[in-house]
Amino acid sequence: MKITVLVDNRSIPGFAAEFGLSLLLEHERETWLFDTGAGTALTCNLKQCGIPPEGIRKMILSHGHYDHSGGLAKLRPEEIWCCRGILAGHYSRHADSSVHQIAMPEDSQTVFRKTRIHWTDHFLQLENGWFLTGPIPRHSGEDCGGDFYHDECCRTPDDVPEEQALLTPDGMLITGCCHAGIINTVEYCRKIHPEIPVRAVMGGLHLKNADPARLKRTAEFFRTSEIRNLYLLHCTGEAAVEYLQTELSGCRVLSPAPGESIIPG
């Protein structure tokens, strides 16, 4: 399996950057897309990697926020795997009390509704051997990373219940924003598939606004786990990445840029 960063907040020459996440997954002659970014960078970066947008046929959406689903408007996939509720209303209230809509954009929803959808209501094994977690139970007490609501009036809290992650048989865990919390996510994988030790994590962890106690707890969890490689992107936050690099001497902590690839194992 080869994983290439297509969209991230950072960039390198030749690749576009935006606040979003998209990963290209190549496995046994199959090409999958995990999330799509916000929509302005995906097409450019796919072409830069030599992948025509029309070549994307299978897609996994981690959750319904615009920065993971906006690029869908530029694609015509045949199949999408996601959780129910992905088209729900999503709003974010910022520190200045302003409220921003962060749901899947309308043009992406139009493409979504024309695509064959596979609902992942529970832990599900795909034909290629990968596992989708489906909705992740929340037991650890980790916050979801922001002040989120289902309505513009901010009356109905939103902990992004439709979020899912991807687990490979060799122990690579791929996350979108990890609104469920990395401890919840890893522990859920361990509970359902104890025979698969999670050895690496790639994606966003939504720690950019985490307080010192949350960061310390997260570092301690990684320190006592079997995870030895962290490829941290998007909403993890630069300060959190630097903190984990300092605290986790026994773990490799990297932030690959668009165009860079890793081969787990």
Protein backbone atom coordinates (compact mmCIF):
# COMPACT_ATOMS: atom_id res chain seq x y z
CA MET A 1 0.00 0.00 0.00
CA LYS A 2 1.21 3.47 -0.91
CA ILE A 3 -0.29 6.61 0.64
CA THR A 4 0.29 10.00 -1.00
CA VAL A 5 -0.71 13.30 0.56
CA LEU A 6 -2.79 15.18 -2.02
CA VAL A 7 -4.19 18.06 0.03
CA ASP A 8 -2.96 19.58 3.26
CA ASN A 9 -2.55 23.01 4.84
CA ARG A 10 1.12 23.07 3.83
CA SER A 11 2.60 22.82 0.39
CA ILE A 12 5.78 22.33 -1.62
CA PRO A 13 6.63 23.88 -5.01
CA GLY A 14 4.26 22.68 -7.73
CA PHE A 15 1.45 21.73 -5.34
CA ALA A 16 -1.45 23.86 -4.16
CA ALA A 17 -2.23 24.26 -0.46
CA GLU A 18 -5.51 24.81 1.37
CA PHE A 19 -7.09 24.10 4.74
CA GLY A 20 -8.20 20.54 4.08
CA LEU A 21 -7.13 16.93 3.76
CA SER A 22 -7.06 14.37 0.97
CA LEU A 23 -5.01 11.20 0.66
CA LEU A 24 -4.44 8.99 -2.38
CA LEU A 25 -4.42 5.29 -1.49
CA GLU A 26 -2.86 2.87 -3.99
CA HIS A 27 -3.24 -0.83 -3.26
CA GLU A 28 -2.90 -3.82 -5.58
CA ARG A 29 -3.58 -1.80 -8.74
CA GLU A 30 -6.55 -0.05 -7.15
CA THR A 31 -6.68 3.70 -6.56
CA TRP A 32 -8.84 5.12 -3.78
CA LEU A 33 -9.33 8.62 -2.46
CA PHE A 34 -9.65 9.27 1.28
CA ASP A 35 -11.36 12.66 1.61
CA THR A 36 -11.17 15.42 -0.99
CA GLY A 37 -9.94 18.62 0.67
CA ALA A 38 -11.97 21.84 0.43
CA GLY A 39 -12.05 21.97 -3.35
CA THR A 40 -9.43 24.41 -4.65
CA ALA A 41 -6.32 22.21 -4.48
CA LEU A 42 -7.39 18.66 -5.33
CA THR A 43 -7.55 18.77 -9.13
CA CYS A 44 -4.20 20.55 -9.46
CA ASN A 45 -2.46 18.17 -7.09
CA LEU A 46 -3.96 15.05 -8.66
CA LYS A 47 -2.61 16.14 -12.03
CA GLN A 48 0.76 16.95 -10.46
CA CYS A 49 0.86 13.32 -9.27
CA GLY A 50 -0.07 12.06 -12.74
CA ILE A 51 -3.58 10.98 -11.67
CA PRO A 52 -6.45 12.21 -13.89
CA PRO A 53 -9.47 13.27 -11.79
CA GLU A 54 -11.68 10.98 -13.86
CA GLY A 55 -9.51 8.08 -12.71
CA ILE A 56 -10.91 8.34 -9.17
CA ARG A 57 -13.66 5.73 -8.97
CA LYS A 58 -13.70 4.72 -5.29
CA MET A 59 -13.76 7.14 -2.40
CA ILE A 60 -13.97 7.17 1.38
CA LEU A 61 -15.31 10.24 3.16
CA SER A 62 -14.35 10.48 6.81
CA HIS A 63 -17.06 13.03 7.70
CA GLY A 64 -19.17 15.83 6.27
CA HIS A 65 -17.10 18.97 6.87
CA TYR A 66 -16.32 21.10 3.81
CA ASP A 67 -12.55 20.77 4.20
CA HIS A 68 -12.87 17.02 3.60
CA SER A 69 -15.72 16.97 1.09
CA GLY A 70 -15.48 20.18 -0.97
CA GLY A 71 -13.33 18.59 -3.67
CA LEU A 72 -16.04 16.06 -4.46
CA ALA A 73 -17.63 18.63 -6.77
CA LYS A 74 -14.64 18.26 -9.13
CA LEU A 75 -14.91 14.46 -9.32
CA ARG A 76 -17.28 11.82 -10.67
CA PRO A 77 -16.68 8.76 -8.49
CA GLU A 78 -18.67 5.58 -8.96
CA GLU A 79 -18.78 4.61 -5.27
CA ILE A 80 -18.46 6.38 -1.93
CA TRP A 81 -18.18 4.80 1.53
CA CYS A 82 -19.38 7.02 4.37
CA CYS A 83 -21.59 7.12 7.48
CA ARG A 84 -25.19 8.24 7.70
CA GLY A 85 -25.60 11.84 8.74
CA ILE A 86 -22.80 13.07 6.49
CA LEU A 87 -25.19 15.59 4.88
CA ALA A 88 -26.34 17.01 8.21
CA GLY A 89 -25.96 20.69 9.05
CA HIS A 90 -22.54 21.61 10.46
CA TYR A 91 -21.61 24.99 11.96
CA SER A 92 -18.56 26.24 13.84
CA ARG A 93 -18.61 29.07 16.40
CA HIS A 94 -15.31 30.93 16.59
CA ALA A 95 -13.68 32.75 19.50
CA ASP A 96 -15.13 36.09 18.30
CA SER A 97 -18.64 34.49 18.49
CA SER A 98 -19.03 34.48 14.70
CA VAL A 99 -20.72 31.37 13.28
CA HIS A 100 -19.53 29.72 10.07
CA GLN A 101 -21.20 27.01 8.01
CA ILE A 102 -18.78 24.10 7.54
CA ALA A 103 -21.06 21.46 6.00
CA MET A 104 -20.53 19.71 2.67
CA PRO A 105 -20.97 22.37 -0.07
CA GLU A 106 -24.06 22.21 -2.26
CA ASP A 107 -22.14 21.39 -5.46
CA SER A 108 -20.47 18.47 -3.69
CA GLN A 109 -23.84 17.32 -2.39
CA THR A 110 -25.12 17.28 -5.96
CA VAL A 111 -22.35 14.88 -6.99
CA PHE A 112 -22.85 12.87 -3.81
CA ARG A 113 -26.53 12.26 -4.56
CA LYS A 114 -25.68 10.95 -8.03
CA THR A 115 -23.15 8.44 -6.70
CA ARG A 116 -23.62 4.91 -5.38
CA ILE A 117 -23.33 5.22 -1.61
CA HIS A 118 -22.21 2.45 0.76
CA TRP A 119 -23.35 3.33 4.29
CA THR A 120 -20.96 2.15 6.97
CA ASP A 121 -23.16 1.72 10.02
CA HIS A 122 -20.62 -0.39 11.90
CA PHE A 123 -17.10 -1.79 11.60
CA LEU A 124 -16.96 -3.04 8.01
CA GLN A 125 -14.38 -5.00 6.04
CA LEU A 126 -13.98 -3.95 2.42
CA GLU A 127 -13.28 -6.41 -0.38
CA ASN A 128 -9.61 -5.39 -0.47
CA GLY A 129 -9.14 -6.29 3.20
CA TRP A 130 -9.27 -2.78 4.68
CA PHE A 131 -11.62 -1.96 7.54
CA LEU A 132 -13.84 1.08 8.01
CA THR A 133 -14.73 1.82 11.60
CA GLY A 134 -18.14 3.33 10.96
CA PRO A 135 -19.31 5.70 13.74
CA ILE A 136 -16.83 5.66 16.64
CA PRO A 137 -18.19 5.35 20.21
CA ARG A 138 -17.10 8.14 22.55
CA HIS A 139 -15.90 6.87 25.93
CA SER A 140 -12.59 8.62 26.68
CA GLY A 141 -13.96 12.09 27.37
CA GLU A 142 -11.85 13.69 24.62
CA ASP A 143 -13.46 16.81 23.17
CA CYS A 144 -14.23 16.89 19.45
CA GLY A 145 -11.75 19.67 18.76
CA GLY A 146 -14.01 22.68 18.35
CA ASP A 147 -17.22 24.51 19.16
CA PHE A 148 -19.47 22.73 16.67
CA TYR A 149 -23.25 22.77 16.18
CA HIS A 150 -25.87 21.29 13.85
CA ASP A 151 -27.72 24.62 13.57
CA GLU A 152 -26.75 28.21 12.89
CA CYS A 153 -28.31 29.35 16.18
CA CYS A 154 -25.87 27.06 18.03
CA ARG A 155 -28.57 25.28 20.02
CA THR A 156 -27.76 21.69 19.06
CA PRO A 157 -24.17 20.61 19.82
CA ASP A 158 -22.44 18.56 17.14
CA ASP A 159 -19.68 16.10 18.02
CA VAL A 160 -19.51 14.91 14.38
CA PRO A 161 -21.07 11.48 15.05
CA GLU A 162 -20.77 10.43 11.39
CA GLU A 163 -16.98 10.40 11.49
CA GLN A 164 -15.13 7.20 10.56
CA ALA A 165 -11.52 6.08 10.14
CA LEU A 166 -9.75 3.46 8.02
CA LEU A 167 -7.73 0.58 9.47
CA THR A 168 -5.50 -1.69 7.38
CA PRO A 169 -4.70 -5.30 8.30
CA ASP A 170 -1.06 -4.36 8.94
CA GLY A 171 -1.98 -1.75 11.55
CA MET A 172 -2.10 1.58 9.71
CA LEU A 173 -4.88 3.84 11.02
CA ILE A 174 -5.96 6.68 8.71
CA THR A 175 -8.00 9.53 10.16
CA GLY A 176 -9.71 12.57 8.71
CA CYS A 177 -9.93 15.00 11.66
CA CYS A 178 -10.27 12.48 14.49
CA HIS A 179 -13.15 14.42 16.05
CA ALA A 180 -13.87 11.27 18.05
CA GLY A 181 -10.42 11.59 19.66
CA ILE A 182 -7.41 9.45 18.86
CA ILE A 183 -7.73 7.50 22.12
CA ASN A 184 -11.36 6.62 21.39
CA THR A 185 -10.51 5.71 17.81
CA VAL A 186 -7.56 3.44 18.59
CA GLU A 187 -9.34 1.77 21.52
CA TYR A 188 -12.38 1.06 19.35
CA CYS A 189 -10.16 -0.58 16.72
CA ARG A 190 -8.50 -2.65 19.44
CA LYS A 191 -11.87 -3.73 20.83
CA ILE A 192 -13.29 -4.87 17.49
CA HIS A 193 -10.05 -6.27 16.02
CA PRO A 194 -7.64 -7.05 18.88
CA GLU A 195 -5.58 -9.16 16.48
CA ILE A 196 -4.52 -5.99 14.59
CA PRO A 197 -2.02 -3.91 16.59
CA VAL A 198 -2.24 -0.27 15.52
CA ARG A 199 1.37 0.61 14.73
CA ALA A 200 1.00 3.85 12.74
CA VAL A 201 -1.43 6.77 12.45
CA MET A 202 -1.79 9.11 9.48
CA GLY A 203 -4.11 12.11 9.17
CA GLY A 204 -5.50 14.91 11.28
CA LEU A 205 -5.88 14.69 15.07
CA HIS A 206 -7.61 18.07 15.66
CA LEU A 207 -5.23 19.12 18.42
CA LYS A 208 -4.61 22.65 17.15
CA ASN A 209 -6.70 24.14 19.98
CA ALA A 210 -5.95 21.46 22.57
CA ASP A 211 -5.10 22.60 26.08
CA PRO A 212 -1.93 21.36 27.86
CA ALA A 213 -3.83 18.62 29.70
CA ARG A 214 -5.23 17.21 26.45
CA LEU A 215 -1.82 17.26 24.80
CA LYS A 216 -0.19 15.60 27.79
CA ARG A 217 -2.83 12.87 27.89
CA THR A 218 -2.47 12.24 24.16
CA ALA A 219 1.32 12.01 24.41
CA GLU A 220 1.07 9.58 27.32
CA PHE A 221 -1.33 7.40 25.33
CA PHE A 222 1.08 7.22 22.40
CA ARG A 223 4.02 6.62 24.74
CA THR A 224 2.38 3.53 26.23
CA SER A 225 0.99 2.14 22.97
CA GLU A 226 2.49 0.08 20.15
CA ILE A 227 2.28 3.05 17.78
CA ARG A 228 5.73 3.94 16.47
CA ASN A 229 4.98 6.15 13.46
CA LEU A 230 2.82 9.27 13.36
CA TYR A 231 2.22 11.12 10.09
CA LEU A 232 0.36 14.17 11.32
CA LEU A 233 -1.52 16.48 8.96
CA HIS A 234 -4.13 19.19 8.57
CA CYS A 235 -5.92 20.03 11.86
CA THR A 236 -3.33 18.47 14.16
CA GLY A 237 -1.69 21.89 14.50
CA GLU A 238 1.99 22.81 14.28
CA ALA A 239 2.33 23.38 18.02
CA ALA A 240 0.86 19.95 18.77
CA VAL A 241 3.16 18.28 16.25
CA GLU A 242 6.20 19.97 17.83
CA TYR A 243 5.03 18.96 21.30
CA LEU A 244 4.62 15.32 20.31
CA GLN A 245 8.00 15.31 18.56
CA THR A 246 9.57 16.51 21.80
CA GLU A 247 7.66 14.17 24.11
CA LEU A 248 7.76 10.94 22.09
CA SER A 249 11.38 9.89 21.82
CA GLY A 250 10.41 6.34 20.91
CA CYS A 251 8.04 7.35 18.13
CA ARG A 252 8.74 8.89 14.74
CA VAL A 253 6.58 12.01 14.29
CA LEU A 254 6.49 13.49 10.78
CA SER A 255 4.30 15.86 8.74
CA PRO A 256 4.51 14.89 5.05
CA ALA A 257 3.58 17.59 2.54
CA PRO A 258 1.41 17.25 -0.59
CA GLY A 259 3.14 15.08 -3.15
CA GLU A 260 5.01 13.08 -0.53
CA SER A 261 4.28 9.38 -0.12
CA ILE A 262 4.75 6.73 2.53
CA ILE A 263 4.66 2.97 2.26
CA PRO A 264 3.59 1.49 5.61
CA GLY A 265 5.40 -1.52 6.91
